[in-house]
Amino acid sequence: MEKNHLALGKQGEEIAASHLITKGFMLLERNWRFKRLEIDIIATKNQQLFFIEVKSRGSLQFGFPEENILKKKMKRVRIAATHYHYLHPSYKRIQFDVIAVCFSGSICLNITHFEDVYG
């Protein structure tokens, strides 16, 4: 049975969260919302705040997951991140990352962490 896109996205976020933890990140929030905007993962490492967008794909038929993150989506992430940072001003450094997760069925084939996408 083929997974729907919501279940695939949730599974991708679980894998991304595990990946971050193994890399020494401390997760602060998952699916954090501000009005109608959402940030998939908010984490911290070395006194820096990370806003992370996770994109998952069940196949590469329509391209890599990261290719489907549009400028409009990242603008919405920036707006939400600005509000989160306003609420947590102790963080002096912030960074925006993207994690792309590729699946074949329920098997994770690849995870790619793109760091500092606005750098």
PDB file of N, CA and C in Angstrom:
ATOM      1  N   MET A   1       0.838  -1.181   0.000  1.00  0.00           N
ATOM      2  CA  MET A   1       0.000   0.000   0.000  1.00  0.00           C
ATOM      3  C   MET A   1       0.886   1.248   0.000  1.00  0.00           C
ATOM      4  N   GLU A   2       0.599   2.169  -0.874  1.00  0.00           N
ATOM      5  CA  GLU A   2       1.406   3.377  -0.993  1.00  0.00           C
ATOM      6  C   GLU A   2       1.071   4.352   0.130  1.00  0.00           C
ATOM      7  N   LYS A   3       2.115   4.942   0.723  1.00  0.00           N
ATOM      8  CA  LYS A   3       1.908   5.905   1.805  1.00  0.00           C
ATOM      9  C   LYS A   3       1.420   7.223   1.223  1.00  0.00           C
ATOM     10  N   ASN A   4       0.539   7.887   1.958  1.00  0.00           N
ATOM     11  CA  ASN A   4       0.149   9.211   1.488  1.00  0.00           C
ATOM     12  C   ASN A   4       1.236  10.210   1.835  1.00  0.00           C
ATOM     13  N   HIS A   5       1.154  11.396   1.253  1.00  0.00           N
ATOM     14  CA  HIS A   5       2.225  12.385   1.414  1.00  0.00           C
ATOM     15  C   HIS A   5       2.365  12.875   2.847  1.00  0.00           C
ATOM     16  N   LEU A   6       1.282  12.906   3.619  1.00  0.00           N
ATOM     17  CA  LEU A   6       1.379  13.352   5.008  1.00  0.00           C
ATOM     18  C   LEU A   6       2.148  12.347   5.859  1.00  0.00           C
ATOM     19  N   ALA A   7       1.871  11.074   5.677  1.00  0.00           N
ATOM     20  CA  ALA A   7       2.588  10.037   6.428  1.00  0.00           C
ATOM     21  C   ALA A   7       4.060  10.017   6.021  1.00  0.00           C
ATOM     22  N   LEU A   8       4.333  10.196   4.738  1.00  0.00           N
ATOM     23  CA  LEU A   8       5.709  10.225   4.259  1.00  0.00           C
ATOM     24  C   LEU A   8       6.447  11.419   4.861  1.00  0.00           C
ATOM     25  N   GLY A   9       5.783  12.567   4.898  1.00  0.00           N
ATOM     26  CA  GLY A   9       6.385  13.760   5.488  1.00  0.00           C
ATOM     27  C   GLY A   9       6.691  13.574   6.962  1.00  0.00           C
ATOM     28  N   LYS A  10       5.766  12.961   7.679  1.00  0.00           N
ATOM     29  CA  LYS A  10       5.977  12.707   9.111  1.00  0.00           C
ATOM     30  C   LYS A  10       7.152  11.754   9.323  1.00  0.00           C
ATOM     31  N   GLN A  11       7.228  10.720   8.505  1.00  0.00           N
ATOM     32  CA  GLN A  11       8.338   9.766   8.606  1.00  0.00           C
ATOM     33  C   GLN A  11       9.663  10.463   8.287  1.00  0.00           C
ATOM     34  N   GLY A  12       9.653  11.336   7.290  1.00  0.00           N
ATOM     35  CA  GLY A  12      10.858  12.093   6.942  1.00  0.00           C
ATOM     36  C   GLY A  12      11.306  13.003   8.076  1.00  0.00           C
ATOM     37  N   GLU A  13      10.346  13.630   8.751  1.00  0.00           N
ATOM     38  CA  GLU A  13      10.681  14.495   9.876  1.00  0.00           C
ATOM     39  C   GLU A  13      11.266  13.691  11.038  1.00  0.00           C
ATOM     40  N   GLU A  14      10.760  12.478  11.256  1.00  0.00           N
ATOM     41  CA  GLU A  14      11.308  11.613  12.309  1.00  0.00           C
ATOM     42  C   GLU A  14      12.766  11.268  12.002  1.00  0.00           C
ATOM     43  N   ILE A  15      13.042  10.926  10.755  1.00  0.00           N
ATOM     44  CA  ILE A  15      14.408  10.581  10.354  1.00  0.00           C
ATOM     45  C   ILE A  15      15.314  11.805  10.459  1.00  0.00           C
ATOM     46  N   ALA A  16      14.814  12.968  10.040  1.00  0.00           N
ATOM     47  CA  ALA A  16      15.599  14.206  10.139  1.00  0.00           C
ATOM     48  C   ALA A  16      15.903  14.535  11.598  1.00  0.00           C
ATOM     49  N   ALA A  17      14.923  14.374  12.483  1.00  0.00           N
ATOM     50  CA  ALA A  17      15.127  14.650  13.908  1.00  0.00           C
ATOM     51  C   ALA A  17      16.201  13.716  14.474  1.00  0.00           C
ATOM     52  N   SER A  18      16.133  12.445  14.145  1.00  0.00           N
ATOM     53  CA  SER A  18      17.143  11.482  14.611  1.00  0.00           C
ATOM     54  C   SER A  18      18.527  11.845  14.083  1.00  0.00           C
ATOM     55  N   HIS A  19      18.581  12.243  12.825  1.00  0.00           N
ATOM     56  CA  HIS A  19      19.850  12.666  12.207  1.00  0.00           C
ATOM     57  C   HIS A  19      20.457  13.837  12.987  1.00  0.00           C
ATOM     58  N   LEU A  20      19.625  14.822  13.309  1.00  0.00           N
ATOM     59  CA  LEU A  20      20.116  16.000  14.032  1.00  0.00           C
ATOM     60  C   LEU A  20      20.622  15.635  15.423  1.00  0.00           C
ATOM     61  N   ILE A  21      19.892  14.775  16.107  1.00  0.00           N
ATOM     62  CA  ILE A  21      20.300  14.361  17.456  1.00  0.00           C
ATOM     63  C   ILE A  21      21.651  13.660  17.413  1.00  0.00           C
ATOM     64  N   THR A  22      21.847  12.791  16.410  1.00  0.00           N
ATOM     65  CA  THR A  22      23.138  12.093  16.314  1.00  0.00           C
ATOM     66  C   THR A  22      24.275  13.056  15.971  1.00  0.00           C
ATOM     67  N   LYS A  23      23.946  14.206  15.385  1.00  0.00           N
ATOM     68  CA  LYS A  23      24.958  15.214  15.049  1.00  0.00           C
ATOM     69  C   LYS A  23      25.167  16.215  16.194  1.00  0.00           C
ATOM     70  N   GLY A  24      24.542  15.963  17.342  1.00  0.00           N
ATOM     71  CA  GLY A  24      24.768  16.809  18.512  1.00  0.00           C
ATOM     72  C   GLY A  24      23.816  17.975  18.684  1.00  0.00           C
ATOM     73  N   PHE A  25      22.759  18.031  17.893  1.00  0.00           N
ATOM     74  CA  PHE A  25      21.767  19.088  18.040  1.00  0.00           C
ATOM     75  C   PHE A  25      20.819  18.760  19.191  1.00  0.00           C
ATOM     76  N   MET A  26      20.290  19.789  19.830  1.00  0.00           N
ATOM     77  CA  MET A  26      19.233  19.618  20.805  1.00  0.00           C
ATOM     78  C   MET A  26      17.958  20.179  20.177  1.00  0.00           C
ATOM     79  N   LEU A  27      16.946  19.332  20.045  1.00  0.00           N
ATOM     80  CA  LEU A  27      15.695  19.769  19.435  1.00  0.00           C
ATOM     81  C   LEU A  27      14.901  20.599  20.437  1.00  0.00           C
ATOM     82  N   LEU A  28      14.446  21.757  19.996  1.00  0.00           N
ATOM     83  CA  LEU A  28      13.640  22.634  20.841  1.00  0.00           C
ATOM     84  C   LEU A  28      12.159  22.538  20.501  1.00  0.00           C
ATOM     85  N   GLU A  29      11.857  22.462  19.219  1.00  0.00           N
ATOM     86  CA  GLU A  29      10.467  22.442  18.760  1.00  0.00           C
ATOM     87  C   GLU A  29      10.355  21.562  17.521  1.00  0.00           C
ATOM     88  N   ARG A  30       9.166  20.972  17.365  1.00  0.00           N
ATOM     89  CA  ARG A  30       8.832  20.257  16.130  1.00  0.00           C
ATOM     90  C   ARG A  30       7.481  20.764  15.674  1.00  0.00           C
ATOM     91  N   ASN A  31       7.377  21.058  14.406  1.00  0.00           N
ATOM     92  CA  ASN A  31       6.139  21.583  13.813  1.00  0.00           C
ATOM     93  C   ASN A  31       5.626  22.796  14.583  1.00  0.00           C
ATOM     94  N   TRP A  32       6.539  23.720  14.845  1.00  0.00           N
ATOM     95  CA  TRP A  32       6.199  24.942  15.576  1.00  0.00           C
ATOM     96  C   TRP A  32       5.397  25.878  14.671  1.00  0.00           C
ATOM     97  N   ARG A  33       4.308  26.398  15.194  1.00  0.00           N
ATOM     98  CA  ARG A  33       3.410  27.216  14.392  1.00  0.00           C
ATOM     99  C   ARG A  33       3.349  28.653  14.899  1.00  0.00           C
ATOM    100  N   PHE A  34       3.273  29.564  13.948  1.00  0.00           N
ATOM    101  CA  PHE A  34       2.998  30.971  14.202  1.00  0.00           C
ATOM    102  C   PHE A  34       1.932  31.367  13.187  1.00  0.00           C
ATOM    103  N   LYS A  35       0.736  31.630  13.714  1.00  0.00           N
ATOM    104  CA  LYS A  35      -0.430  31.880  12.856  1.00  0.00           C
ATOM    105  C   LYS A  35      -0.598  30.694  11.908  1.00  0.00           C
ATOM    106  N   ARG A  36      -0.531  30.926  10.610  1.00  0.00           N
ATOM    107  CA  ARG A  36      -0.698  29.827   9.649  1.00  0.00           C
ATOM    108  C   ARG A  36       0.644  29.324   9.105  1.00  0.00           C
ATOM    109  N   LEU A  37       1.727  29.764   9.713  1.00  0.00           N
ATOM    110  CA  LEU A  37       3.065  29.385   9.267  1.00  0.00           C
ATOM    111  C   LEU A  37       3.604  28.279  10.163  1.00  0.00           C
ATOM    112  N   GLU A  38       4.515  27.480   9.619  1.00  0.00           N
ATOM    113  CA  GLU A  38       5.076  26.374  10.391  1.00  0.00           C
ATOM    114  C   GLU A  38       6.550  26.182  10.081  1.00  0.00           C
ATOM    115  N   ILE A  39       7.302  25.857  11.125  1.00  0.00           N
ATOM    116  CA  ILE A  39       8.703  25.470  10.977  1.00  0.00           C
ATOM    117  C   ILE A  39       8.787  24.015  11.403  1.00  0.00           C
ATOM    118  N   ASP A  40       9.351  23.178  10.546  1.00  0.00           N
ATOM    119  CA  ASP A  40       9.393  21.742  10.815  1.00  0.00           C
ATOM    120  C   ASP A  40      10.175  21.417  12.084  1.00  0.00           C
ATOM    121  N   ILE A  41      11.406  21.914  12.173  1.00  0.00           N
ATOM    122  CA  ILE A  41      12.247  21.630  13.342  1.00  0.00           C
ATOM    123  C   ILE A  41      12.999  22.903  13.728  1.00  0.00           C
ATOM    124  N   ILE A  42      13.000  23.182  15.021  1.00  0.00           N
ATOM    125  CA  ILE A  42      13.837  24.245  15.573  1.00  0.00           C
ATOM    126  C   ILE A  42      14.786  23.554  16.548  1.00  0.00           C
ATOM    127  N   ALA A  43      16.081  23.797  16.355  1.00  0.00           N
ATOM    128  CA  ALA A  43      17.089  23.113  17.163  1.00  0.00           C
ATOM    129  C   ALA A  43      18.185  24.094  17.552  1.00  0.00           C
ATOM    130  N   THR A  44      19.022  23.651  18.460  1.00  0.00           N
ATOM    131  CA  THR A  44      20.160  24.463  18.871  1.00  0.00           C
ATOM    132  C   THR A  44      21.406  23.585  18.961  1.00  0.00           C
ATOM    133  N   LYS A  45      22.539  24.214  18.693  1.00  0.00           N
ATOM    134  CA  LYS A  45      23.843  23.555  18.821  1.00  0.00           C
ATOM    135  C   LYS A  45      24.889  24.650  18.957  1.00  0.00           C
ATOM    136  N   ASN A  46      25.758  24.515  19.921  1.00  0.00           N
ATOM    137  CA  ASN A  46      26.822  25.508  20.133  1.00  0.00           C
ATOM    138  C   ASN A  46      26.275  26.929  20.241  1.00  0.00           C
ATOM    139  N   GLN A  47      25.205  27.083  21.002  1.00  0.00           N
ATOM    140  CA  GLN A  47      24.581  28.384  21.273  1.00  0.00           C
ATOM    141  C   GLN A  47      24.074  29.076  20.009  1.00  0.00           C
ATOM    142  N   GLN A  48      23.803  28.302  18.979  1.00  0.00           N
ATOM    143  CA  GLN A  48      23.236  28.828  17.732  1.00  0.00           C
ATOM    144  C   GLN A  48      21.860  28.217  17.533  1.00  0.00           C
ATOM    145  N   LEU A  49      20.938  28.991  16.982  1.00  0.00           N
ATOM    146  CA  LEU A  49      19.567  28.562  16.749  1.00  0.00           C
ATOM    147  C   LEU A  49      19.408  28.176  15.278  1.00  0.00           C
ATOM    148  N   PHE A  50      18.818  27.000  15.041  1.00  0.00           N
ATOM    149  CA  PHE A  50      18.649  26.485  13.682  1.00  0.00           C
ATOM    150  C   PHE A  50      17.168  26.316  13.361  1.00  0.00           C
ATOM    151  N   PHE A  51      16.771  26.827  12.217  1.00  0.00           N
ATOM    152  CA  PHE A  51      15.424  26.641  11.692  1.00  0.00           C
ATOM    153  C   PHE A  51      15.563  25.701  10.493  1.00  0.00           C
ATOM    154  N   ILE A  52      14.888  24.546  10.583  1.00  0.00           N
ATOM    155  CA  ILE A  52      15.142  23.489   9.613  1.00  0.00           C
ATOM    156  C   ILE A  52      13.860  23.082   8.899  1.00  0.00           C
ATOM    157  N   GLU A  53      13.893  23.172   7.590  1.00  0.00           N
ATOM    158  CA  GLU A  53      12.799  22.718   6.732  1.00  0.00           C
ATOM    159  C   GLU A  53      13.136  21.308   6.276  1.00  0.00           C
ATOM    160  N   VAL A  54      12.181  20.398   6.412  1.00  0.00           N
ATOM    161  CA  VAL A  54      12.386  19.001   6.004  1.00  0.00           C
ATOM    162  C   VAL A  54      11.500  18.725   4.802  1.00  0.00           C
ATOM    163  N   LYS A  55      12.092  18.138   3.775  1.00  0.00           N
ATOM    164  CA  LYS A  55      11.338  17.783   2.575  1.00  0.00           C
ATOM    165  C   LYS A  55      11.606  16.316   2.261  1.00  0.00           C
ATOM    166  N   SER A  56      10.533  15.559   2.061  1.00  0.00           N
ATOM    167  CA  SER A  56      10.647  14.122   1.784  1.00  0.00           C
ATOM    168  C   SER A  56      10.034  13.791   0.437  1.00  0.00           C
ATOM    169  N   ARG A  57      10.591  12.755  -0.196  1.00  0.00           N
ATOM    170  CA  ARG A  57      10.059  12.264  -1.468  1.00  0.00           C
ATOM    171  C   ARG A  57      10.037  10.746  -1.452  1.00  0.00           C
ATOM    172  N   GLY A  58       8.977  10.191  -2.008  1.00  0.00           N
ATOM    173  CA  GLY A  58       8.848   8.736  -2.115  1.00  0.00           C
ATOM    174  C   GLY A  58       9.550   8.176  -3.331  1.00  0.00           C
ATOM    175  N   SER A  59       9.891   9.049  -4.281  1.00  0.00           N
ATOM    176  CA  SER A  59      10.661   8.638  -5.455  1.00  0.00           C
ATOM    177  C   SER A  59      11.289   9.893  -6.048  1.00  0.00           C
ATOM    178  N   LEU A  60      12.185   9.698  -6.974  1.00  0.00           N
ATOM    179  CA  LEU A  60      12.828  10.836  -7.634  1.00  0.00           C
ATOM    180  C   LEU A  60      12.202  11.135  -8.993  1.00  0.00           C
ATOM    181  N   GLN A  61      11.031  10.583  -9.231  1.00  0.00           N
ATOM    182  CA  GLN A  61      10.337  10.771 -10.505  1.00  0.00           C
ATOM    183  C   GLN A  61      10.134  12.252 -10.832  1.00  0.00           C
ATOM    184  N   PHE A  62       9.879  13.059  -9.820  1.00  0.00           N
ATOM    185  CA  PHE A  62       9.647  14.486 -10.034  1.00  0.00           C
ATOM    186  C   PHE A  62      10.782  15.343  -9.493  1.00  0.00           C
ATOM    187  N   GLY A  63      11.958  14.749  -9.343  1.00  0.00           N
ATOM    188  CA  GLY A  63      13.128  15.491  -8.896  1.00  0.00           C
ATOM    189  C   GLY A  63      13.469  15.219  -7.437  1.00  0.00           C
ATOM    190  N   PHE A  64      14.551  15.817  -7.006  1.00  0.00           N
ATOM    191  CA  PHE A  64      15.012  15.663  -5.631  1.00  0.00           C
ATOM    192  C   PHE A  64      14.121  16.464  -4.689  1.00  0.00           C
ATOM    193  N   PRO A  65      14.003  16.039  -3.439  1.00  0.00           N
ATOM    194  CA  PRO A  65      13.117  16.738  -2.502  1.00  0.00           C
ATOM    195  C   PRO A  65      13.444  18.220  -2.361  1.00  0.00           C
ATOM    196  N   GLU A  66      14.732  18.538  -2.251  1.00  0.00           N
ATOM    197  CA  GLU A  66      15.127  19.930  -2.038  1.00  0.00           C
ATOM    198  C   GLU A  66      14.770  20.836  -3.213  1.00  0.00           C
ATOM    199  N   GLU A  67      14.578  20.260  -4.397  1.00  0.00           N
ATOM    200  CA  GLU A  67      14.214  21.057  -5.573  1.00  0.00           C
ATOM    201  C   GLU A  67      12.780  21.558  -5.497  1.00  0.00           C
ATOM    202  N   ASN A  68      12.011  21.006  -4.597  1.00  0.00           N
ATOM    203  CA  ASN A  68      10.602  21.387  -4.492  1.00  0.00           C
ATOM    204  C   ASN A  68      10.337  22.385  -3.364  1.00  0.00           C
ATOM    205  N   ILE A  69      11.389  22.945  -2.785  1.00  0.00           N
ATOM    206  CA  ILE A  69      11.210  23.983  -1.768  1.00  0.00           C
ATOM    207  C   ILE A  69      11.252  25.323  -2.488  1.00  0.00           C
ATOM    208  N   LEU A  70      10.117  25.931  -2.599  1.00  0.00           N
ATOM    209  CA  LEU A  70      10.000  27.169  -3.358  1.00  0.00           C
ATOM    210  C   LEU A  70      10.392  28.378  -2.512  1.00  0.00           C
ATOM    211  N   LYS A  71      10.735  29.483  -3.195  1.00  0.00           N
ATOM    212  CA  LYS A  71      11.097  30.717  -2.500  1.00  0.00           C
ATOM    213  C   LYS A  71       9.976  31.166  -1.568  1.00  0.00           C
ATOM    214  N   LYS A  72       8.740  30.980  -1.991  1.00  0.00           N
ATOM    215  CA  LYS A  72       7.596  31.385  -1.177  1.00  0.00           C
ATOM    216  C   LYS A  72       7.581  30.619   0.154  1.00  0.00           C
ATOM    217  N   LYS A  73       7.902  29.332   0.110  1.00  0.00           N
ATOM    218  CA  LYS A  73       7.935  28.512   1.321  1.00  0.00           C
ATOM    219  C   LYS A  73       9.020  29.006   2.264  1.00  0.00           C
ATOM    220  N   MET A  74      10.209  29.258   1.746  1.00  0.00           N
ATOM    221  CA  MET A  74      11.310  29.707   2.598  1.00  0.00           C
ATOM    222  C   MET A  74      11.047  31.113   3.137  1.00  0.00           C
ATOM    223  N   LYS A  75      10.334  31.928   2.384  1.00  0.00           N
ATOM    224  CA  LYS A  75       9.960  33.251   2.899  1.00  0.00           C
ATOM    225  C   LYS A  75       9.037  33.089   4.103  1.00  0.00           C
ATOM    226  N   ARG A  76       8.115  32.137   4.027  1.00  0.00           N
ATOM    227  CA  ARG A  76       7.204  31.878   5.143  1.00  0.00           C
ATOM    228  C   ARG A  76       7.968  31.337   6.351  1.00  0.00           C
ATOM    229  N   VAL A  77       8.975  30.507   6.112  1.00  0.00           N
ATOM    230  CA  VAL A  77       9.814  30.000   7.201  1.00  0.00           C
ATOM    231  C   VAL A  77      10.560  31.165   7.850  1.00  0.00           C
ATOM    232  N   ARG A  78      11.087  32.076   7.045  1.00  0.00           N
ATOM    233  CA  ARG A  78      11.800  33.248   7.585  1.00  0.00           C
ATOM    234  C   ARG A  78      10.894  34.111   8.445  1.00  0.00           C
ATOM    235  N   ILE A  79       9.654  34.310   8.010  1.00  0.00           N
ATOM    236  CA  ILE A  79       8.710  35.120   8.787  1.00  0.00           C
ATOM    237  C   ILE A  79       8.441  34.467  10.146  1.00  0.00           C
ATOM    238  N   ALA A  80       8.169  33.174  10.138  1.00  0.00           N
ATOM    239  CA  ALA A  80       7.926  32.452  11.392  1.00  0.00           C
ATOM    240  C   ALA A  80       9.176  32.461  12.267  1.00  0.00           C
ATOM    241  N   ALA A  81      10.343  32.273  11.656  1.00  0.00           N
ATOM    242  CA  ALA A  81      11.604  32.265  12.403  1.00  0.00           C
ATOM    243  C   ALA A  81      11.860  33.620  13.062  1.00  0.00           C
ATOM    244  N   THR A  82      11.534  34.684  12.364  1.00  0.00           N
ATOM    245  CA  THR A  82      11.691  36.028  12.929  1.00  0.00           C
ATOM    246  C   THR A  82      10.863  36.166  14.198  1.00  0.00           C
ATOM    247  N   HIS A  83       9.634  35.658  14.170  1.00  0.00           N
ATOM    248  CA  HIS A  83       8.781  35.730  15.359  1.00  0.00           C
ATOM    249  C   HIS A  83       9.346  34.854  16.483  1.00  0.00           C
ATOM    250  N   TYR A  84       9.790  33.651  16.161  1.00  0.00           N
ATOM    251  CA  TYR A  84      10.366  32.766  17.176  1.00  0.00           C
ATOM    252  C   TYR A  84      11.596  33.416  17.799  1.00  0.00           C
ATOM    253  N   HIS A  85      12.438  33.997  16.973  1.00  0.00           N
ATOM    254  CA  HIS A  85      13.648  34.645  17.470  1.00  0.00           C
ATOM    255  C   HIS A  85      13.300  35.841  18.353  1.00  0.00           C
ATOM    256  N   TYR A  86      12.253  36.553  18.007  1.00  0.00           N
ATOM    257  CA  TYR A  86      11.770  37.664  18.836  1.00  0.00           C
ATOM    258  C   TYR A  86      11.374  37.155  20.226  1.00  0.00           C
ATOM    259  N   LEU A  87      10.745  35.981  20.277  1.00  0.00           N
ATOM    260  CA  LEU A  87      10.329  35.390  21.552  1.00  0.00           C
ATOM    261  C   LEU A  87      11.502  34.807  22.343  1.00  0.00           C
ATOM    262  N   HIS A  88      12.613  34.518  21.660  1.00  0.00           N
ATOM    263  CA  HIS A  88      13.793  33.904  22.283  1.00  0.00           C
ATOM    264  C   HIS A  88      15.046  34.702  21.892  1.00  0.00           C
ATOM    265  N   PRO A  89      15.160  35.919  22.379  1.00  0.00           N
ATOM    266  CA  PRO A  89      16.248  36.808  21.935  1.00  0.00           C
ATOM    267  C   PRO A  89      17.636  36.450  22.456  1.00  0.00           C
ATOM    268  N   SER A  90      17.737  35.465  23.338  1.00  0.00           N
ATOM    269  CA  SER A  90      19.059  35.123  23.885  1.00  0.00           C
ATOM    270  C   SER A  90      19.976  34.507  22.824  1.00  0.00           C
ATOM    271  N   TYR A  91      19.412  34.001  21.736  1.00  0.00           N
ATOM    272  CA  TYR A  91      20.228  33.435  20.662  1.00  0.00           C
ATOM    273  C   TYR A  91      20.719  34.571  19.763  1.00  0.00           C
ATOM    274  N   LYS A  92      22.023  34.697  19.672  1.00  0.00           N
ATOM    275  CA  LYS A  92      22.603  35.784  18.874  1.00  0.00           C
ATOM    276  C   LYS A  92      22.863  35.357  17.428  1.00  0.00           C
ATOM    277  N   ARG A  93      22.999  34.045  17.225  1.00  0.00           N
ATOM    278  CA  ARG A  93      23.275  33.535  15.876  1.00  0.00           C
ATOM    279  C   ARG A  93      22.149  32.583  15.467  1.00  0.00           C
ATOM    280  N   ILE A  94      21.681  32.749  14.234  1.00  0.00           N
ATOM    281  CA  ILE A  94      20.665  31.839  13.702  1.00  0.00           C
ATOM    282  C   ILE A  94      21.121  31.322  12.343  1.00  0.00           C
ATOM    283  N   GLN A  95      20.538  30.201  11.956  1.00  0.00           N
ATOM    284  CA  GLN A  95      20.890  29.605  10.667  1.00  0.00           C
ATOM    285  C   GLN A  95      19.677  28.854  10.132  1.00  0.00           C
ATOM    286  N   PHE A  96      19.524  28.862   8.823  1.00  0.00           N
ATOM    287  CA  PHE A  96      18.454  28.135   8.149  1.00  0.00           C
ATOM    288  C   PHE A  96      19.054  26.953   7.399  1.00  0.00           C
ATOM    289  N   ASP A  97      18.530  25.759   7.681  1.00  0.00           N
ATOM    290  CA  ASP A  97      18.991  24.540   7.025  1.00  0.00           C
ATOM    291  C   ASP A  97      17.820  23.833   6.351  1.00  0.00           C
ATOM    292  N   VAL A  98      18.149  22.939   5.437  1.00  0.00           N
ATOM    293  CA  VAL A  98      17.165  22.081   4.777  1.00  0.00           C
ATOM    294  C   VAL A  98      17.666  20.649   4.901  1.00  0.00           C
ATOM    295  N   ILE A  99      16.765  19.746   5.242  1.00  0.00           N
ATOM    296  CA  ILE A  99      17.094  18.327   5.233  1.00  0.00           C
ATOM    297  C   ILE A  99      16.180  17.644   4.227  1.00  0.00           C
ATOM    298  N   ALA A 100      16.777  16.967   3.254  1.00  0.00           N
ATOM    299  CA  ALA A 100      16.038  16.248   2.215  1.00  0.00           C
ATOM    300  C   ALA A 100      16.139  14.752   2.493  1.00  0.00           C
ATOM    301  N   VAL A 101      14.990  14.075   2.470  1.00  0.00           N
ATOM    302  CA  VAL A 101      14.938  12.646   2.762  1.00  0.00           C
ATOM    303  C   VAL A 101      14.296  11.935   1.572  1.00  0.00           C
ATOM    304  N   CYS A 102      14.989  10.944   1.023  1.00  0.00           N
ATOM    305  CA  CYS A 102      14.480  10.153  -0.103  1.00  0.00           C
ATOM    306  C   CYS A 102      14.130   8.748   0.378  1.00  0.00           C
ATOM    307  N   PHE A 103      12.952   8.289  -0.024  1.00  0.00           N
ATOM    308  CA  PHE A 103      12.464   6.967   0.355  1.00  0.00           C
ATOM    309  C   PHE A 103      12.247   6.097  -0.873  1.00  0.00           C
ATOM    310  N   SER A 104      12.265   4.802  -0.625  1.00  0.00           N
ATOM    311  CA  SER A 104      11.740   3.806  -1.552  1.00  0.00           C
ATOM    312  C   SER A 104      10.811   2.959  -0.702  1.00  0.00           C
ATOM    313  N   GLY A 105       9.528   3.166  -0.860  1.00  0.00           N
ATOM    314  CA  GLY A 105       8.567   2.540   0.049  1.00  0.00           C
ATOM    315  C   GLY A 105       8.747   3.140   1.423  1.00  0.00           C
ATOM    316  N   SER A 106       8.963   2.302   2.428  1.00  0.00           N
ATOM    317  CA  SER A 106       9.184   2.828   3.777  1.00  0.00           C
ATOM    318  C   SER A 106      10.669   2.834   4.148  1.00  0.00           C
ATOM    319  N   ILE A 107      11.531   2.545   3.177  1.00  0.00           N
ATOM    320  CA  ILE A 107      12.968   2.489   3.403  1.00  0.00           C
ATOM    321  C   ILE A 107      13.592   3.838   3.052  1.00  0.00           C
ATOM    322  N   CYS A 108      14.339   4.406   3.999  1.00  0.00           N
ATOM    323  CA  CYS A 108      15.060   5.655   3.743  1.00  0.00           C
ATOM    324  C   CYS A 108      16.296   5.330   2.913  1.00  0.00           C
ATOM    325  N   LEU A 109      16.360   5.887   1.714  1.00  0.00           N
ATOM    326  CA  LEU A 109      17.503   5.662   0.828  1.00  0.00           C
ATOM    327  C   LEU A 109      18.624   6.659   1.068  1.00  0.00           C
ATOM    328  N   ASN A 110      18.237   7.901   1.378  1.00  0.00           N
ATOM    329  CA  ASN A 110      19.237   8.953   1.480  1.00  0.00           C
ATOM    330  C   ASN A 110      18.708  10.108   2.310  1.00  0.00           C
ATOM    331  N   ILE A 111      19.601  10.685   3.099  1.00  0.00           N
ATOM    332  CA  ILE A 111      19.291  11.916   3.825  1.00  0.00           C
ATOM    333  C   ILE A 111      20.416  12.898   3.545  1.00  0.00           C
ATOM    334  N   THR A 112      20.041  14.098   3.122  1.00  0.00           N
ATOM    335  CA  THR A 112      21.021  15.127   2.799  1.00  0.00           C
ATOM    336  C   THR A 112      20.708  16.367   3.624  1.00  0.00           C
ATOM    337  N   HIS A 113      21.720  16.862   4.327  1.00  0.00           N
ATOM    338  CA  HIS A 113      21.578  18.039   5.185  1.00  0.00           C
ATOM    339  C   HIS A 113      22.276  19.216   4.500  1.00  0.00           C
ATOM    340  N   PHE A 114      21.480  20.185   4.056  1.00  0.00           N
ATOM    341  CA  PHE A 114      21.995  21.397   3.425  1.00  0.00           C
ATOM    342  C   PHE A 114      22.073  22.462   4.516  1.00  0.00           C
ATOM    343  N   GLU A 115      23.292  22.884   4.816  1.00  0.00           N
ATOM    344  CA  GLU A 115      23.490  23.829   5.912  1.00  0.00           C
ATOM    345  C   GLU A 115      23.567  25.264   5.403  1.00  0.00           C
ATOM    346  N   ASP A 116      23.031  26.167   6.217  1.00  0.00           N
ATOM    347  CA  ASP A 116      23.128  27.606   5.978  1.00  0.00           C
ATOM    348  C   ASP A 116      22.679  27.985   4.566  1.00  0.00           C
ATOM    349  N   VAL A 117      21.433  27.665   4.257  1.00  0.00           N
ATOM    350  CA  VAL A 117      20.909  27.871   2.908  1.00  0.00           C
ATOM    351  C   VAL A 117      20.770  29.354   2.545  1.00  0.00           C
ATOM    352  N   TYR A 118      20.847  30.235   3.531  1.00  0.00           N
ATOM    353  CA  TYR A 118      20.856  31.678   3.244  1.00  0.00           C
ATOM    354  C   TYR A 118      22.230  32.292   3.404  1.00  0.00           C
ATOM    355  N   GLY A 119      23.272  31.449   3.570  1.00  0.00           N
ATOM    356  CA  GLY A 119      24.619  31.929   3.879  1.00  0.00           C
ATOM    357  C   GLY A 119      25.353  32.545   2.773  1.00  0.00           C
TER     358      GLY A 119
END
